[in-house]
PDB file of N, CA and C in Angstrom:
ATOM      1  N   MET A   1      56.747  94.946 -19.486  1.00  0.00           N
ATOM      2  CA  MET A   1      57.234  94.389 -18.245  1.00  0.00           C
ATOM      3  C   MET A   1      56.278  94.797 -17.123  1.00  0.00           C
ATOM      4  N   LYS A   2      56.005  93.879 -16.265  1.00  0.00           N
ATOM      5  CA  LYS A   2      55.086  94.089 -15.160  1.00  0.00           C
ATOM      6  C   LYS A   2      55.788  94.838 -14.045  1.00  0.00           C
ATOM      7  N   LYS A   3      55.153  95.908 -13.539  1.00  0.00           N
ATOM      8  CA  LYS A   3      55.725  96.682 -12.452  1.00  0.00           C
ATOM      9  C   LYS A   3      55.342  96.022 -11.114  1.00  0.00           C
ATOM     10  N   VAL A   4      56.341  95.822 -10.268  1.00  0.00           N
ATOM     11  CA  VAL A   4      56.097  95.183  -8.976  1.00  0.00           C
ATOM     12  C   VAL A   4      56.329  96.192  -7.841  1.00  0.00           C
ATOM     13  N   LYS A   5      55.597  95.994  -6.754  1.00  0.00           N
ATOM     14  CA  LYS A   5      55.747  96.849  -5.587  1.00  0.00           C
ATOM     15  C   LYS A   5      56.928  96.361  -4.736  1.00  0.00           C
ATOM     16  N   LYS A   6      57.506  97.271  -3.972  1.00  0.00           N
ATOM     17  CA  LYS A   6      58.623  96.937  -3.124  1.00  0.00           C
ATOM     18  C   LYS A   6      58.105  96.288  -1.828  1.00  0.00           C
ATOM     19  N   ILE A   7      58.759  95.209  -1.405  1.00  0.00           N
ATOM     20  CA  ILE A   7      58.388  94.524  -0.171  1.00  0.00           C
ATOM     21  C   ILE A   7      59.082  95.227   0.970  1.00  0.00           C
ATOM     22  N   SER A   8      58.298  95.655   1.955  1.00  0.00           N
ATOM     23  CA  SER A   8      58.878  96.362   3.092  1.00  0.00           C
ATOM     24  C   SER A   8      59.498  95.391   4.088  1.00  0.00           C
ATOM     25  N   LYS A   9      60.296  95.911   4.977  1.00  0.00           N
ATOM     26  CA  LYS A   9      60.928  95.100   6.027  1.00  0.00           C
ATOM     27  C   LYS A   9      59.923  94.894   7.147  1.00  0.00           C
ATOM     28  N   PHE A  10      59.926  93.705   7.704  1.00  0.00           N
ATOM     29  CA  PHE A  10      58.996  93.373   8.778  1.00  0.00           C
ATOM     30  C   PHE A  10      59.769  93.241  10.095  1.00  0.00           C
ATOM     31  N   LYS A  11      59.166  93.731  11.158  1.00  0.00           N
ATOM     32  CA  LYS A  11      59.811  93.655  12.474  1.00  0.00           C
ATOM     33  C   LYS A  11      59.694  92.256  13.075  1.00  0.00           C
ATOM     34  N   THR A  12      58.568  91.595  12.798  1.00  0.00           N
ATOM     35  CA  THR A  12      58.346  90.258  13.369  1.00  0.00           C
ATOM     36  C   THR A  12      57.800  89.339  12.281  1.00  0.00           C
ATOM     37  N   SER A  13      57.951  88.063  12.492  1.00  0.00           N
ATOM     38  CA  SER A  13      57.397  87.096  11.526  1.00  0.00           C
ATOM     39  C   SER A  13      55.876  87.121  11.578  1.00  0.00           C
ATOM     40  N   SER A  14      55.324  87.472  12.737  1.00  0.00           N
ATOM     41  CA  SER A  14      53.871  87.551  12.886  1.00  0.00           C
ATOM     42  C   SER A  14      53.317  88.677  11.990  1.00  0.00           C
ATOM     43  N   SER A  15      53.989  89.812  11.974  1.00  0.00           N
ATOM     44  CA  SER A  15      53.531  90.931  11.134  1.00  0.00           C
ATOM     45  C   SER A  15      53.686  90.592   9.653  1.00  0.00           C
ATOM     46  N   GLU A  16      54.724  89.828   9.324  1.00  0.00           N
ATOM     47  CA  GLU A  16      54.890  89.396   7.940  1.00  0.00           C
ATOM     48  C   GLU A  16      53.787  88.423   7.529  1.00  0.00           C
ATOM     49  N   ASP A  17      53.436  87.502   8.425  1.00  0.00           N
ATOM     50  CA  ASP A  17      52.360  86.566   8.140  1.00  0.00           C
ATOM     51  C   ASP A  17      51.046  87.300   7.898  1.00  0.00           C
ATOM     52  N   LYS A  18      50.734  88.264   8.743  1.00  0.00           N
ATOM     53  CA  LYS A  18      49.496  89.040   8.601  1.00  0.00           C
ATOM     54  C   LYS A  18      49.484  89.797   7.271  1.00  0.00           C
ATOM     55  N   PHE A  19      50.633  90.330   6.894  1.00  0.00           N
ATOM     56  CA  PHE A  19      50.746  91.070   5.622  1.00  0.00           C
ATOM     57  C   PHE A  19      50.412  90.161   4.447  1.00  0.00           C
ATOM     58  N   TRP A  20      51.038  88.976   4.383  1.00  0.00           N
ATOM     59  CA  TRP A  20      50.832  88.089   3.242  1.00  0.00           C
ATOM     60  C   TRP A  20      49.459  87.457   3.235  1.00  0.00           C
ATOM     61  N   GLN A  21      48.773  87.393   4.364  1.00  0.00           N
ATOM     62  CA  GLN A  21      47.410  86.898   4.398  1.00  0.00           C
ATOM     63  C   GLN A  21      46.466  87.864   3.716  1.00  0.00           C
ATOM     64  N   LYS A  22      46.830  89.156   3.741  1.00  0.00           N
ATOM     65  CA  LYS A  22      45.967  90.190   3.173  1.00  0.00           C
ATOM     66  C   LYS A  22      46.379  90.649   1.780  1.00  0.00           C
ATOM     67  N   HIS A  23      47.585  90.329   1.332  1.00  0.00           N
ATOM     68  CA  HIS A  23      48.114  90.816   0.060  1.00  0.00           C
ATOM     69  C   HIS A  23      48.441  89.663  -0.875  1.00  0.00           C
ATOM     70  N   ASP A  24      48.322  89.920  -2.160  1.00  0.00           N
ATOM     71  CA  ASP A  24      48.644  88.930  -3.185  1.00  0.00           C
ATOM     72  C   ASP A  24      50.113  89.068  -3.598  1.00  0.00           C
ATOM     73  N   SER A  25      50.830  87.966  -3.619  1.00  0.00           N
ATOM     74  CA  SER A  25      52.277  87.993  -3.929  1.00  0.00           C
ATOM     75  C   SER A  25      52.558  88.417  -5.350  1.00  0.00           C
ATOM     76  N   THR A  26      51.590  88.277  -6.243  1.00  0.00           N
ATOM     77  CA  THR A  26      51.851  88.639  -7.644  1.00  0.00           C
ATOM     78  C   THR A  26      52.035  90.148  -7.822  1.00  0.00           C
ATOM     79  N   ALA A  27      51.603  90.947  -6.874  1.00  0.00           N
ATOM     80  CA  ALA A  27      51.830  92.398  -6.935  1.00  0.00           C
ATOM     81  C   ALA A  27      53.244  92.755  -6.473  1.00  0.00           C
ATOM     82  N   TYR A  28      53.924  91.819  -5.798  1.00  0.00           N
ATOM     83  CA  TYR A  28      55.232  92.090  -5.220  1.00  0.00           C
ATOM     84  C   TYR A  28      56.359  91.258  -5.821  1.00  0.00           C
ATOM     85  N   ILE A  29      56.022  90.171  -6.498  1.00  0.00           N
ATOM     86  CA  ILE A  29      57.028  89.280  -7.065  1.00  0.00           C
ATOM     87  C   ILE A  29      56.695  89.016  -8.547  1.00  0.00           C
ATOM     88  N   ASN A  30      57.685  89.140  -9.407  1.00  0.00           N
ATOM     89  CA  ASN A  30      57.466  88.854 -10.825  1.00  0.00           C
ATOM     90  C   ASN A  30      57.697  87.355 -11.037  1.00  0.00           C
ATOM     91  N   TRP A  31      56.628  86.591 -11.039  1.00  0.00           N
ATOM     92  CA  TRP A  31      56.713  85.140 -11.137  1.00  0.00           C
ATOM     93  C   TRP A  31      57.078  84.694 -12.560  1.00  0.00           C
ATOM     94  N   ASP A  32      57.083  85.603 -13.540  1.00  0.00           N
ATOM     95  CA  ASP A  32      57.479  85.256 -14.904  1.00  0.00           C
ATOM     96  C   ASP A  32      58.950  84.846 -14.980  1.00  0.00           C
ATOM     97  N   HIS A  33      59.742  85.324 -14.036  1.00  0.00           N
ATOM     98  CA  HIS A  33      61.180  85.014 -14.032  1.00  0.00           C
ATOM     99  C   HIS A  33      61.548  83.899 -13.039  1.00  0.00           C
ATOM    100  N   ALA A  34      60.516  83.275 -12.473  1.00  0.00           N
ATOM    101  CA  ALA A  34      60.770  82.200 -11.509  1.00  0.00           C
ATOM    102  C   ALA A  34      61.338  80.989 -12.231  1.00  0.00           C
ATOM    103  N   LYS A  35      62.191  80.258 -11.543  1.00  0.00           N
ATOM    104  CA  LYS A  35      62.788  79.049 -12.096  1.00  0.00           C
ATOM    105  C   LYS A  35      62.282  77.849 -11.331  1.00  0.00           C
ATOM    106  N   LYS A  36      62.012  76.774 -12.043  1.00  0.00           N
ATOM    107  CA  LYS A  36      61.586  75.543 -11.393  1.00  0.00           C
ATOM    108  C   LYS A  36      62.809  74.865 -10.792  1.00  0.00           C
ATOM    109  N   ILE A  37      62.617  74.348  -9.597  1.00  0.00           N
ATOM    110  CA  ILE A  37      63.684  73.596  -8.957  1.00  0.00           C
ATOM    111  C   ILE A  37      63.134  72.245  -8.530  1.00  0.00           C
ATOM    112  N   LYS A  38      64.013  71.317  -8.339  1.00  0.00           N
ATOM    113  CA  LYS A  38      63.613  70.002  -7.895  1.00  0.00           C
ATOM    114  C   LYS A  38      64.155  69.801  -6.500  1.00  0.00           C
ATOM    115  N   LEU A  39      63.240  69.610  -5.543  1.00  0.00           N
ATOM    116  CA  LEU A  39      63.641  69.418  -4.162  1.00  0.00           C
ATOM    117  C   LEU A  39      63.851  67.934  -3.884  1.00  0.00           C
ATOM    118  N   PRO A  40      64.794  67.631  -3.028  1.00  0.00           N
ATOM    119  CA  PRO A  40      65.039  66.215  -2.698  1.00  0.00           C
ATOM    120  C   PRO A  40      63.867  65.662  -1.899  1.00  0.00           C
ATOM    121  N   LYS A  41      63.635  64.374  -2.052  1.00  0.00           N
ATOM    122  CA  LYS A  41      62.581  63.744  -1.250  1.00  0.00           C
ATOM    123  C   LYS A  41      63.064  63.673   0.195  1.00  0.00           C
ATOM    124  N   THR A  42      62.186  64.005   1.077  1.00  0.00           N
ATOM    125  CA  THR A  42      62.531  63.970   2.496  1.00  0.00           C
ATOM    126  C   THR A  42      61.688  62.935   3.226  1.00  0.00           C
ATOM    127  N   ARG A  43      62.250  62.438   4.291  1.00  0.00           N
ATOM    128  CA  ARG A  43      61.528  61.483   5.137  1.00  0.00           C
ATOM    129  C   ARG A  43      61.287  62.120   6.481  1.00  0.00           C
ATOM    130  N   VAL A  44      60.141  61.842   7.030  1.00  0.00           N
ATOM    131  CA  VAL A  44      59.825  62.369   8.359  1.00  0.00           C
ATOM    132  C   VAL A  44      60.300  61.364   9.382  1.00  0.00           C
ATOM    133  N   LYS A  45      61.127  61.858  10.308  1.00  0.00           N
ATOM    134  CA  LYS A  45      61.610  60.994  11.373  1.00  0.00           C
ATOM    135  C   LYS A  45      60.648  61.122  12.552  1.00  0.00           C
ATOM    136  N   LYS A  46      60.279  60.002  13.108  1.00  0.00           N
ATOM    137  CA  LYS A  46      59.397  60.028  14.265  1.00  0.00           C
ATOM    138  C   LYS A  46      60.225  60.329  15.490  1.00  0.00           C
ATOM    139  N   ASN A  47      59.715  61.262  16.288  1.00  0.00           N
ATOM    140  CA  ASN A  47      60.410  61.649  17.506  1.00  0.00           C
ATOM    141  C   ASN A  47      60.087  60.642  18.598  1.00  0.00           C
ATOM    142  N   LYS A  48      61.090  59.943  19.071  1.00  0.00           N
ATOM    143  CA  LYS A  48      60.901  58.971  20.129  1.00  0.00           C
ATOM    144  C   LYS A  48      61.303  59.621  21.448  1.00  0.00           C
ATOM    145  N   SER A  49      60.304  60.044  22.180  1.00  0.00           N
ATOM    146  CA  SER A  49      60.560  60.701  23.442  1.00  0.00           C
ATOM    147  C   SER A  49      60.539  59.674  24.578  1.00  0.00           C
ATOM    148  N   ILE A  50      61.422  59.851  25.507  1.00  0.00           N
ATOM    149  CA  ILE A  50      61.447  59.006  26.696  1.00  0.00           C
ATOM    150  C   ILE A  50      61.063  59.864  27.879  1.00  0.00           C
ATOM    151  N   ILE A  51      60.042  59.407  28.596  1.00  0.00           N
ATOM    152  CA  ILE A  51      59.576  60.154  29.761  1.00  0.00           C
ATOM    153  C   ILE A  51      60.021  59.384  31.004  1.00  0.00           C
ATOM    154  N   ASN A  52      60.791  60.050  31.842  1.00  0.00           N
ATOM    155  CA  ASN A  52      61.248  59.417  33.081  1.00  0.00           C
ATOM    156  C   ASN A  52      60.343  59.854  34.222  1.00  0.00           C
ATOM    157  N   ASN A  53      59.853  58.902  34.964  1.00  0.00           N
ATOM    158  CA  ASN A  53      58.990  59.206  36.139  1.00  0.00           C
ATOM    159  C   ASN A  53      59.824  59.267  37.379  1.00  0.00           C
TER     160      ASN A  53
END
């Protein structure tokens, strides 16, 4: 069994982003136990903004 490191708590999402940019997730997550899921198809709605002068 692969030993994984513990993921620390992050104070901000910015600090979490910086952490994951520098670290590989395979050291922290055991992807062997990951399950495939099927996500629903989504549609992008165009934002129709009205600007009043």
